[in-house]
Amino acid sequence: MDGSMKASLDASAPPPQYFRGNESSLVSALKTLLFFTILMVTVPIGLYFASKAYIFEGSMKMSSSDSYFYAAIVAVLAVHVVLALFVYVAWNEGAPKGKGKHD
């Protein structure tokens, strides 16, 4: 009986402290992902409508069908820029901050 009582107490014990060491990096990664998710939705859509209305139809006096085409190109380029920024930030997120010589 002594062994079964000890096993039940061990199961209810909290996890060791080293499990919590990565919480800040996980929260940081989730914040980065959420930020770039919001950028991925808002930037291309905003640039699509803004460039269509103000640049292509407004200042360049293009027809509506032509402005749709060129505004879509602007939106696709914006998606690629946001993706490239995300890859850059994700790649450098775990890198050490110091650029000096390591001994």
PDB file of N, CA and C in Angstrom:
ATOM      1  N   MET A   1       0.814  -1.199   0.000  1.00  0.00           N
ATOM      2  CA  MET A   1       0.000   0.000   0.000  1.00  0.00           C
ATOM      3  C   MET A   1       0.852   1.254   0.000  1.00  0.00           C
ATOM      4  N   ASP A   2       2.013   1.156   0.571  1.00  0.00           N
ATOM      5  CA  ASP A   2       2.873   2.315   0.661  1.00  0.00           C
ATOM      6  C   ASP A   2       3.297   2.794  -0.720  1.00  0.00           C
ATOM      7  N   GLY A   3       3.562   1.879  -1.631  1.00  0.00           N
ATOM      8  CA  GLY A   3       3.996   2.232  -2.982  1.00  0.00           C
ATOM      9  C   GLY A   3       2.881   2.874  -3.790  1.00  0.00           C
ATOM     10  N   SER A   4       1.644   2.385  -3.626  1.00  0.00           N
ATOM     11  CA  SER A   4       0.531   2.967  -4.385  1.00  0.00           C
ATOM     12  C   SER A   4       0.188   4.359  -3.888  1.00  0.00           C
ATOM     13  N   MET A   5       0.349   4.595  -2.608  1.00  0.00           N
ATOM     14  CA  MET A   5       0.083   5.917  -2.053  1.00  0.00           C
ATOM     15  C   MET A   5       1.103   6.926  -2.560  1.00  0.00           C
ATOM     16  N   LYS A   6       2.368   6.511  -2.670  1.00  0.00           N
ATOM     17  CA  LYS A   6       3.414   7.396  -3.159  1.00  0.00           C
ATOM     18  C   LYS A   6       3.204   7.724  -4.641  1.00  0.00           C
ATOM     19  N   ALA A   7       2.756   6.739  -5.421  1.00  0.00           N
ATOM     20  CA  ALA A   7       2.506   6.963  -6.849  1.00  0.00           C
ATOM     21  C   ALA A   7       1.364   7.944  -7.063  1.00  0.00           C
ATOM     22  N   SER A   8       0.328   7.862  -6.230  1.00  0.00           N
ATOM     23  CA  SER A   8      -0.792   8.786  -6.394  1.00  0.00           C
ATOM     24  C   SER A   8      -0.402  10.207  -6.000  1.00  0.00           C
ATOM     25  N   LEU A   9       0.495  10.354  -5.027  1.00  0.00           N
ATOM     26  CA  LEU A   9       0.963  11.678  -4.648  1.00  0.00           C
ATOM     27  C   LEU A   9       1.851  12.269  -5.734  1.00  0.00           C
ATOM     28  N   ASP A  10       2.676  11.455  -6.371  1.00  0.00           N
ATOM     29  CA  ASP A  10       3.552  11.938  -7.433  1.00  0.00           C
ATOM     30  C   ASP A  10       2.757  12.391  -8.648  1.00  0.00           C
ATOM     31  N   ALA A  11       1.654  11.762  -8.927  1.00  0.00           N
ATOM     32  CA  ALA A  11       0.836  12.126 -10.090  1.00  0.00           C
ATOM     33  C   ALA A  11       0.173  13.483  -9.902  1.00  0.00           C
ATOM     34  N   SER A  12      -0.133  13.840  -8.666  1.00  0.00           N
ATOM     35  CA  SER A  12      -0.793  15.125  -8.419  1.00  0.00           C
ATOM     36  C   SER A  12       0.201  16.267  -8.222  1.00  0.00           C
ATOM     37  N   ALA A  13       1.480  15.960  -8.225  1.00  0.00           N
ATOM     38  CA  ALA A  13       2.499  16.989  -8.015  1.00  0.00           C
ATOM     39  C   ALA A  13       2.590  17.889  -9.249  1.00  0.00           C
ATOM     40  N   PRO A  14       2.896  19.172  -9.057  1.00  0.00           N
ATOM     41  CA  PRO A  14       3.025  20.077 -10.210  1.00  0.00           C
ATOM     42  C   PRO A  14       4.254  19.714 -11.034  1.00  0.00           C
ATOM     43  N   PRO A  15       4.260  20.075 -12.305  1.00  0.00           N
ATOM     44  CA  PRO A  15       5.420  19.766 -13.136  1.00  0.00           C
ATOM     45  C   PRO A  15       6.645  20.539 -12.655  1.00  0.00           C
ATOM     46  N   PRO A  16       7.820  20.035 -12.961  1.00  0.00           N
ATOM     47  CA  PRO A  16       9.042  20.734 -12.538  1.00  0.00           C
ATOM     48  C   PRO A  16       9.131  22.122 -13.157  1.00  0.00           C
ATOM     49  N   GLN A  17       9.971  22.973 -12.586  1.00  0.00           N
ATOM     50  CA  GLN A  17      10.092  24.358 -13.013  1.00  0.00           C
ATOM     51  C   GLN A  17      10.655  24.505 -14.418  1.00  0.00           C
ATOM     52  N   TYR A  18      11.473  23.581 -14.892  1.00  0.00           N
ATOM     53  CA  TYR A  18      12.091  23.751 -16.197  1.00  0.00           C
ATOM     54  C   TYR A  18      11.084  23.681 -17.335  1.00  0.00           C
ATOM     55  N   PHE A  19       9.868  23.249 -17.102  1.00  0.00           N
ATOM     56  CA  PHE A  19       8.830  23.248 -18.140  1.00  0.00           C
ATOM     57  C   PHE A  19       8.392  24.667 -18.466  1.00  0.00           C
ATOM     58  N   ARG A  20       8.536  25.570 -17.519  1.00  0.00           N
ATOM     59  CA  ARG A  20       8.078  26.945 -17.722  1.00  0.00           C
ATOM     60  C   ARG A  20       9.137  27.840 -18.345  1.00  0.00           C
ATOM     61  N   GLY A  21      10.286  27.338 -18.639  1.00  0.00           N
ATOM     62  CA  GLY A  21      11.371  28.137 -19.174  1.00  0.00           C
ATOM     63  C   GLY A  21      11.101  28.655 -20.579  1.00  0.00           C
ATOM     64  N   ASN A  22      10.306  27.961 -21.358  1.00  0.00           N
ATOM     65  CA  ASN A  22      10.056  28.346 -22.736  1.00  0.00           C
ATOM     66  C   ASN A  22       8.761  29.128 -22.919  1.00  0.00           C
ATOM     67  N   GLU A  23       8.081  29.465 -21.844  1.00  0.00           N
ATOM     68  CA  GLU A  23       6.818  30.183 -21.972  1.00  0.00           C
ATOM     69  C   GLU A  23       6.994  31.549 -22.613  1.00  0.00           C
ATOM     70  N   SER A  24       8.039  32.262 -22.253  1.00  0.00           N
ATOM     71  CA  SER A  24       8.225  33.594 -22.816  1.00  0.00           C
ATOM     72  C   SER A  24       8.535  33.518 -24.305  1.00  0.00           C
ATOM     73  N   SER A  25       9.307  32.526 -24.725  1.00  0.00           N
ATOM     74  CA  SER A  25       9.587  32.393 -26.157  1.00  0.00           C
ATOM     75  C   SER A  25       8.340  31.953 -26.910  1.00  0.00           C
ATOM     76  N   LEU A  26       7.508  31.127 -26.294  1.00  0.00           N
ATOM     77  CA  LEU A  26       6.256  30.710 -26.935  1.00  0.00           C
ATOM     78  C   LEU A  26       5.301  31.890 -27.078  1.00  0.00           C
ATOM     79  N   VAL A  27       5.194  32.695 -26.039  1.00  0.00           N
ATOM     80  CA  VAL A  27       4.332  33.880 -26.096  1.00  0.00           C
ATOM     81  C   VAL A  27       4.849  34.860 -27.141  1.00  0.00           C
ATOM     82  N   SER A  28       6.153  35.028 -27.203  1.00  0.00           N
ATOM     83  CA  SER A  28       6.752  35.914 -28.207  1.00  0.00           C
ATOM     84  C   SER A  28       6.473  35.411 -29.622  1.00  0.00           C
ATOM     85  N   ALA A  29       6.592  34.113 -29.826  1.00  0.00           N
ATOM     86  CA  ALA A  29       6.327  33.545 -31.146  1.00  0.00           C
ATOM     87  C   ALA A  29       4.855  33.693 -31.531  1.00  0.00           C
ATOM     88  N   LEU A  30       3.964  33.508 -30.564  1.00  0.00           N
ATOM     89  CA  LEU A  30       2.536  33.664 -30.852  1.00  0.00           C
ATOM     90  C   LEU A  30       2.173  35.119 -31.143  1.00  0.00           C
ATOM     91  N   LYS A  31       2.801  36.049 -30.430  1.00  0.00           N
ATOM     92  CA  LYS A  31       2.561  37.469 -30.710  1.00  0.00           C
ATOM     93  C   LYS A  31       3.049  37.839 -32.101  1.00  0.00           C
ATOM     94  N   THR A  32       4.215  37.316 -32.483  1.00  0.00           N
ATOM     95  CA  THR A  32       4.745  37.569 -33.822  1.00  0.00           C
ATOM     96  C   THR A  32       3.816  36.989 -34.876  1.00  0.00           C
ATOM     97  N   LEU A  33       3.347  35.776 -34.657  1.00  0.00           N
ATOM     98  CA  LEU A  33       2.440  35.137 -35.605  1.00  0.00           C
ATOM     99  C   LEU A  33       1.128  35.905 -35.721  1.00  0.00           C
ATOM    100  N   LEU A  34       0.576  36.354 -34.610  1.00  0.00           N
ATOM    101  CA  LEU A  34      -0.664  37.120 -34.624  1.00  0.00           C
ATOM    102  C   LEU A  34      -0.473  38.457 -35.341  1.00  0.00           C
ATOM    103  N   PHE A  35       0.656  39.110 -35.091  1.00  0.00           N
ATOM    104  CA  PHE A  35       0.939  40.390 -35.735  1.00  0.00           C
ATOM    105  C   PHE A  35       1.012  40.231 -37.256  1.00  0.00           C
ATOM    106  N   PHE A  36       1.742  39.224 -37.712  1.00  0.00           N
ATOM    107  CA  PHE A  36       1.875  39.033 -39.153  1.00  0.00           C
ATOM    108  C   PHE A  36       0.605  38.486 -39.782  1.00  0.00           C
ATOM    109  N   THR A  37      -0.224  37.786 -39.025  1.00  0.00           N
ATOM    110  CA  THR A  37      -1.529  37.354 -39.536  1.00  0.00           C
ATOM    111  C   THR A  37      -2.420  38.556 -39.796  1.00  0.00           C
ATOM    112  N   ILE A  38      -2.417  39.492 -38.864  1.00  0.00           N
ATOM    113  CA  ILE A  38      -3.206  40.711 -39.049  1.00  0.00           C
ATOM    114  C   ILE A  38      -2.672  41.517 -40.230  1.00  0.00           C
ATOM    115  N   LEU A  39      -1.332  41.612 -40.335  1.00  0.00           N
ATOM    116  CA  LEU A  39      -0.747  42.305 -41.483  1.00  0.00           C
ATOM    117  C   LEU A  39      -1.114  41.630 -42.792  1.00  0.00           C
ATOM    118  N   MET A  40      -1.127  40.298 -42.803  1.00  0.00           N
ATOM    119  CA  MET A  40      -1.404  39.550 -44.021  1.00  0.00           C
ATOM    120  C   MET A  40      -2.837  39.790 -44.508  1.00  0.00           C
ATOM    121  N   VAL A  41      -3.729  40.069 -43.603  1.00  0.00           N
ATOM    122  CA  VAL A  41      -5.121  40.329 -43.994  1.00  0.00           C
ATOM    123  C   VAL A  41      -5.326  41.791 -44.358  1.00  0.00           C
ATOM    124  N   THR A  42      -4.818  42.700 -43.556  1.00  0.00           N
ATOM    125  CA  THR A  42      -5.156  44.108 -43.730  1.00  0.00           C
ATOM    126  C   THR A  42      -4.347  44.820 -44.815  1.00  0.00           C
ATOM    127  N   VAL A  43      -3.048  44.545 -44.888  1.00  0.00           N
ATOM    128  CA  VAL A  43      -2.191  45.294 -45.823  1.00  0.00           C
ATOM    129  C   VAL A  43      -2.572  45.041 -47.289  1.00  0.00           C
ATOM    130  N   PRO A  44      -2.675  43.794 -47.749  1.00  0.00           N
ATOM    131  CA  PRO A  44      -3.035  43.607 -49.169  1.00  0.00           C
ATOM    132  C   PRO A  44      -4.424  44.129 -49.521  1.00  0.00           C
ATOM    133  N   ILE A  45      -5.388  43.918 -48.645  1.00  0.00           N
ATOM    134  CA  ILE A  45      -6.745  44.397 -48.929  1.00  0.00           C
ATOM    135  C   ILE A  45      -6.777  45.919 -48.932  1.00  0.00           C
ATOM    136  N   GLY A  46      -6.134  46.528 -47.959  1.00  0.00           N
ATOM    137  CA  GLY A  46      -6.084  47.987 -47.906  1.00  0.00           C
ATOM    138  C   GLY A  46      -5.369  48.586 -49.100  1.00  0.00           C
ATOM    139  N   LEU A  47      -4.235  47.988 -49.473  1.00  0.00           N
ATOM    140  CA  LEU A  47      -3.513  48.493 -50.640  1.00  0.00           C
ATOM    141  C   LEU A  47      -4.280  48.271 -51.935  1.00  0.00           C
ATOM    142  N   TYR A  48      -5.016  47.177 -52.010  1.00  0.00           N
ATOM    143  CA  TYR A  48      -5.822  46.924 -53.207  1.00  0.00           C
ATOM    144  C   TYR A  48      -6.822  48.052 -53.432  1.00  0.00           C
ATOM    145  N   PHE A  49      -7.631  48.333 -52.417  1.00  0.00           N
ATOM    146  CA  PHE A  49      -8.673  49.343 -52.583  1.00  0.00           C
ATOM    147  C   PHE A  49      -8.100  50.757 -52.666  1.00  0.00           C
ATOM    148  N   ALA A  50      -7.052  51.025 -51.891  1.00  0.00           N
ATOM    149  CA  ALA A  50      -6.457  52.361 -51.936  1.00  0.00           C
ATOM    150  C   ALA A  50      -5.793  52.633 -53.283  1.00  0.00           C
ATOM    151  N   SER A  51      -5.025  51.666 -53.786  1.00  0.00           N
ATOM    152  CA  SER A  51      -4.365  51.891 -55.078  1.00  0.00           C
ATOM    153  C   SER A  51      -5.362  51.936 -56.224  1.00  0.00           C
ATOM    154  N   LYS A  52      -6.412  51.138 -56.130  1.00  0.00           N
ATOM    155  CA  LYS A  52      -7.434  51.162 -57.181  1.00  0.00           C
ATOM    156  C   LYS A  52      -8.121  52.516 -57.243  1.00  0.00           C
ATOM    157  N   ALA A  53      -8.532  53.017 -56.081  1.00  0.00           N
ATOM    158  CA  ALA A  53      -9.304  54.251 -56.055  1.00  0.00           C
ATOM    159  C   ALA A  53      -8.448  55.496 -56.261  1.00  0.00           C
ATOM    160  N   TYR A  54      -7.330  55.566 -55.560  1.00  0.00           N
ATOM    161  CA  TYR A  54      -6.569  56.812 -55.555  1.00  0.00           C
ATOM    162  C   TYR A  54      -5.476  56.878 -56.615  1.00  0.00           C
ATOM    163  N   ILE A  55      -4.802  55.771 -56.857  1.00  0.00           N
ATOM    164  CA  ILE A  55      -3.682  55.819 -57.805  1.00  0.00           C
ATOM    165  C   ILE A  55      -4.156  55.551 -59.227  1.00  0.00           C
ATOM    166  N   PHE A  56      -4.772  54.393 -59.439  1.00  0.00           N
ATOM    167  CA  PHE A  56      -5.069  53.984 -60.809  1.00  0.00           C
ATOM    168  C   PHE A  56      -6.283  54.689 -61.403  1.00  0.00           C
ATOM    169  N   GLU A  57      -7.370  54.805 -60.627  1.00  0.00           N
ATOM    170  CA  GLU A  57      -8.541  55.504 -61.150  1.00  0.00           C
ATOM    171  C   GLU A  57      -8.465  57.002 -60.894  1.00  0.00           C
ATOM    172  N   GLY A  58      -7.883  57.396 -59.771  1.00  0.00           N
ATOM    173  CA  GLY A  58      -7.844  58.804 -59.400  1.00  0.00           C
ATOM    174  C   GLY A  58      -6.809  59.609 -60.162  1.00  0.00           C
ATOM    175  N   SER A  59      -5.553  59.261 -59.995  1.00  0.00           N
ATOM    176  CA  SER A  59      -4.509  60.089 -60.601  1.00  0.00           C
ATOM    177  C   SER A  59      -4.127  59.645 -62.012  1.00  0.00           C
ATOM    178  N   MET A  60      -4.246  58.350 -62.315  1.00  0.00           N
ATOM    179  CA  MET A  60      -3.871  57.871 -63.645  1.00  0.00           C
ATOM    180  C   MET A  60      -5.050  57.795 -64.614  1.00  0.00           C
ATOM    181  N   LYS A  61      -6.261  58.015 -64.107  1.00  0.00           N
ATOM    182  CA  LYS A  61      -7.487  58.045 -64.918  1.00  0.00           C
ATOM    183  C   LYS A  61      -7.676  56.765 -65.748  1.00  0.00           C
ATOM    184  N   MET A  62      -7.400  55.607 -65.140  1.00  0.00           N
ATOM    185  CA  MET A  62      -7.601  54.333 -65.834  1.00  0.00           C
ATOM    186  C   MET A  62      -9.058  53.921 -65.749  1.00  0.00           C
ATOM    187  N   SER A  63      -9.451  53.025 -66.637  1.00  0.00           N
ATOM    188  CA  SER A  63     -10.811  52.492 -66.583  1.00  0.00           C
ATOM    189  C   SER A  63     -10.928  51.541 -65.385  1.00  0.00           C
ATOM    190  N   SER A  64     -12.151  51.212 -65.028  1.00  0.00           N
ATOM    191  CA  SER A  64     -12.386  50.368 -63.870  1.00  0.00           C
ATOM    192  C   SER A  64     -11.803  48.970 -64.061  1.00  0.00           C
ATOM    193  N   SER A  65     -11.929  48.422 -65.268  1.00  0.00           N
ATOM    194  CA  SER A  65     -11.416  47.068 -65.500  1.00  0.00           C
ATOM    195  C   SER A  65      -9.890  47.024 -65.475  1.00  0.00           C
ATOM    196  N   ASP A  66      -9.241  48.074 -65.970  1.00  0.00           N
ATOM    197  CA  ASP A  66      -7.781  48.109 -65.913  1.00  0.00           C
ATOM    198  C   ASP A  66      -7.283  48.309 -64.480  1.00  0.00           C
ATOM    199  N   SER A  67      -7.997  49.136 -63.739  1.00  0.00           N
ATOM    200  CA  SER A  67      -7.556  49.406 -62.369  1.00  0.00           C
ATOM    201  C   SER A  67      -7.692  48.166 -61.488  1.00  0.00           C
ATOM    202  N   TYR A  68      -8.683  47.296 -61.740  1.00  0.00           N
ATOM    203  CA  TYR A  68      -8.791  46.043 -60.994  1.00  0.00           C
ATOM    204  C   TYR A  68      -7.532  45.195 -61.177  1.00  0.00           C
ATOM    205  N   PHE A  69      -7.086  45.110 -62.399  1.00  0.00           N
ATOM    206  CA  PHE A  69      -5.922  44.288 -62.729  1.00  0.00           C
ATOM    207  C   PHE A  69      -4.662  44.804 -62.033  1.00  0.00           C
ATOM    208  N   TYR A  70      -4.396  46.080 -62.145  1.00  0.00           N
ATOM    209  CA  TYR A  70      -3.177  46.632 -61.563  1.00  0.00           C
ATOM    210  C   TYR A  70      -3.243  46.689 -60.032  1.00  0.00           C
ATOM    211  N   ALA A  71      -4.419  46.904 -59.489  1.00  0.00           N
ATOM    212  CA  ALA A  71      -4.559  46.890 -58.028  1.00  0.00           C
ATOM    213  C   ALA A  71      -4.344  45.480 -57.485  1.00  0.00           C
ATOM    214  N   ALA A  72      -4.754  44.470 -58.227  1.00  0.00           N
ATOM    215  CA  ALA A  72      -4.502  43.088 -57.800  1.00  0.00           C
ATOM    216  C   ALA A  72      -3.005  42.786 -57.801  1.00  0.00           C
ATOM    217  N   ILE A  73      -2.279  43.324 -58.769  1.00  0.00           N
ATOM    218  CA  ILE A  73      -0.824  43.135 -58.794  1.00  0.00           C
ATOM    219  C   ILE A  73      -0.189  43.780 -57.559  1.00  0.00           C
ATOM    220  N   VAL A  74      -0.659  44.964 -57.197  1.00  0.00           N
ATOM    221  CA  VAL A  74      -0.142  45.638 -55.998  1.00  0.00           C
ATOM    222  C   VAL A  74      -0.429  44.794 -54.754  1.00  0.00           C
ATOM    223  N   ALA A  75      -1.626  44.205 -54.661  1.00  0.00           N
ATOM    224  CA  ALA A  75      -1.981  43.383 -53.508  1.00  0.00           C
ATOM    225  C   ALA A  75      -1.119  42.122 -53.437  1.00  0.00           C
ATOM    226  N   VAL A  76      -0.852  41.495 -54.569  1.00  0.00           N
ATOM    227  CA  VAL A  76      -0.009  40.298 -54.576  1.00  0.00           C
ATOM    228  C   VAL A  76       1.422  40.643 -54.161  1.00  0.00           C
ATOM    229  N   LEU A  77       1.924  41.766 -54.621  1.00  0.00           N
ATOM    230  CA  LEU A  77       3.260  42.202 -54.197  1.00  0.00           C
ATOM    231  C   LEU A  77       3.292  42.479 -52.691  1.00  0.00           C
ATOM    232  N   ALA A  78       2.220  43.043 -52.163  1.00  0.00           N
ATOM    233  CA  ALA A  78       2.150  43.302 -50.726  1.00  0.00           C
ATOM    234  C   ALA A  78       2.157  42.001 -49.929  1.00  0.00           C
ATOM    235  N   VAL A  79       1.474  40.974 -50.423  1.00  0.00           N
ATOM    236  CA  VAL A  79       1.493  39.671 -49.760  1.00  0.00           C
ATOM    237  C   VAL A  79       2.915  39.127 -49.708  1.00  0.00           C
ATOM    238  N   HIS A  80       3.631  39.249 -50.807  1.00  0.00           N
ATOM    239  CA  HIS A  80       5.001  38.748 -50.846  1.00  0.00           C
ATOM    240  C   HIS A  80       5.918  39.530 -49.897  1.00  0.00           C
ATOM    241  N   VAL A  81       5.716  40.817 -49.783  1.00  0.00           N
ATOM    242  CA  VAL A  81       6.522  41.618 -48.865  1.00  0.00           C
ATOM    243  C   VAL A  81       6.239  41.224 -47.414  1.00  0.00           C
ATOM    244  N   VAL A  82       4.978  41.036 -47.068  1.00  0.00           N
ATOM    245  CA  VAL A  82       4.631  40.639 -45.698  1.00  0.00           C
ATOM    246  C   VAL A  82       5.200  39.252 -45.392  1.00  0.00           C
ATOM    247  N   LEU A  83       5.107  38.334 -46.342  1.00  0.00           N
ATOM    248  CA  LEU A  83       5.670  36.998 -46.127  1.00  0.00           C
ATOM    249  C   LEU A  83       7.189  37.048 -45.957  1.00  0.00           C
ATOM    250  N   ALA A  84       7.850  37.859 -46.752  1.00  0.00           N
ATOM    251  CA  ALA A  84       9.297  37.988 -46.634  1.00  0.00           C
ATOM    252  C   ALA A  84       9.679  38.583 -45.276  1.00  0.00           C
ATOM    253  N   LEU A  85       8.931  39.569 -44.815  1.00  0.00           N
ATOM    254  CA  LEU A  85       9.193  40.140 -43.491  1.00  0.00           C
ATOM    255  C   LEU A  85       8.976  39.117 -42.386  1.00  0.00           C
ATOM    256  N   PHE A  86       7.934  38.309 -42.528  1.00  0.00           N
ATOM    257  CA  PHE A  86       7.675  37.270 -41.527  1.00  0.00           C
ATOM    258  C   PHE A  86       8.819  36.257 -41.480  1.00  0.00           C
ATOM    259  N   VAL A  87       9.279  35.817 -42.632  1.00  0.00           N
ATOM    260  CA  VAL A  87      10.389  34.857 -42.675  1.00  0.00           C
ATOM    261  C   VAL A  87      11.640  35.471 -42.056  1.00  0.00           C
ATOM    262  N   TYR A  88      11.916  36.730 -42.357  1.00  0.00           N
ATOM    263  CA  TYR A  88      13.088  37.411 -41.794  1.00  0.00           C
ATOM    264  C   TYR A  88      12.993  37.496 -40.270  1.00  0.00           C
ATOM    265  N   VAL A  89      11.839  37.907 -39.766  1.00  0.00           N
ATOM    266  CA  VAL A  89      11.666  38.043 -38.314  1.00  0.00           C
ATOM    267  C   VAL A  89      11.724  36.674 -37.645  1.00  0.00           C
ATOM    268  N   ALA A  90      11.087  35.673 -38.233  1.00  0.00           N
ATOM    269  CA  ALA A  90      11.095  34.331 -37.647  1.00  0.00           C
ATOM    270  C   ALA A  90      12.498  33.731 -37.668  1.00  0.00           C
ATOM    271  N   TRP A  91      13.249  33.996 -38.707  1.00  0.00           N
ATOM    272  CA  TRP A  91      14.612  33.473 -38.807  1.00  0.00           C
ATOM    273  C   TRP A  91      15.522  34.092 -37.747  1.00  0.00           C
ATOM    274  N   ASN A  92      15.359  35.370 -37.498  1.00  0.00           N
ATOM    275  CA  ASN A  92      16.224  36.070 -36.548  1.00  0.00           C
ATOM    276  C   ASN A  92      15.691  36.076 -35.126  1.00  0.00           C
ATOM    277  N   GLU A  93      14.554  35.468 -34.879  1.00  0.00           N
ATOM    278  CA  GLU A  93      13.952  35.524 -33.554  1.00  0.00           C
ATOM    279  C   GLU A  93      14.776  34.754 -32.517  1.00  0.00           C
ATOM    280  N   GLY A  94      15.331  33.623 -32.868  1.00  0.00           N
ATOM    281  CA  GLY A  94      16.078  32.840 -31.908  1.00  0.00           C
ATOM    282  C   GLY A  94      17.565  33.126 -31.917  1.00  0.00           C
ATOM    283  N   ALA A  95      18.007  34.041 -32.764  1.00  0.00           N
ATOM    284  CA  ALA A  95      19.434  34.333 -32.868  1.00  0.00           C
ATOM    285  C   ALA A  95      19.905  35.125 -31.654  1.00  0.00           C
ATOM    286  N   PRO A  96      21.154  34.920 -31.248  1.00  0.00           N
ATOM    287  CA  PRO A  96      21.681  35.706 -30.125  1.00  0.00           C
ATOM    288  C   PRO A  96      21.761  37.184 -30.475  1.00  0.00           C
ATOM    289  N   LYS A  97      21.568  38.024 -29.480  1.00  0.00           N
ATOM    290  CA  LYS A  97      21.521  39.461 -29.704  1.00  0.00           C
ATOM    291  C   LYS A  97      22.894  40.066 -29.976  1.00  0.00           C
ATOM    292  N   GLY A  98      23.929  39.561 -29.301  1.00  0.00           N
ATOM    293  CA  GLY A  98      25.262  40.140 -29.432  1.00  0.00           C
ATOM    294  C   GLY A  98      25.933  39.743 -30.741  1.00  0.00           C
ATOM    295  N   LYS A  99      26.615  40.705 -31.361  1.00  0.00           N
ATOM    296  CA  LYS A  99      27.327  40.419 -32.594  1.00  0.00           C
ATOM    297  C   LYS A  99      28.828  40.424 -32.378  1.00  0.00           C
ATOM    298  N   GLY A 100      29.241  40.468 -31.137  1.00  0.00           N
ATOM    299  CA  GLY A 100      30.668  40.494 -30.832  1.00  0.00           C
ATOM    300  C   GLY A 100      31.297  39.119 -30.931  1.00  0.00           C
ATOM    301  N   LYS A 101      32.582  39.067 -30.640  1.00  0.00           N
ATOM    302  CA  LYS A 101      33.325  37.822 -30.703  1.00  0.00           C
ATOM    303  C   LYS A 101      32.947  36.954 -29.511  1.00  0.00           C
ATOM    304  N   HIS A 102      32.658  35.675 -29.773  1.00  0.00           N
ATOM    305  CA  HIS A 102      32.304  34.743 -28.707  1.00  0.00           C
ATOM    306  C   HIS A 102      33.524  33.901 -28.360  1.00  0.00           C
ATOM    307  N   ASP A 103      33.889  33.907 -27.096  1.00  0.00           N
ATOM    308  CA  ASP A 103      35.048  33.113 -26.657  1.00  0.00           C
ATOM    309  C   ASP A 103      34.597  31.836 -26.012  1.00  0.00           C
TER     310      ASP A 103
END
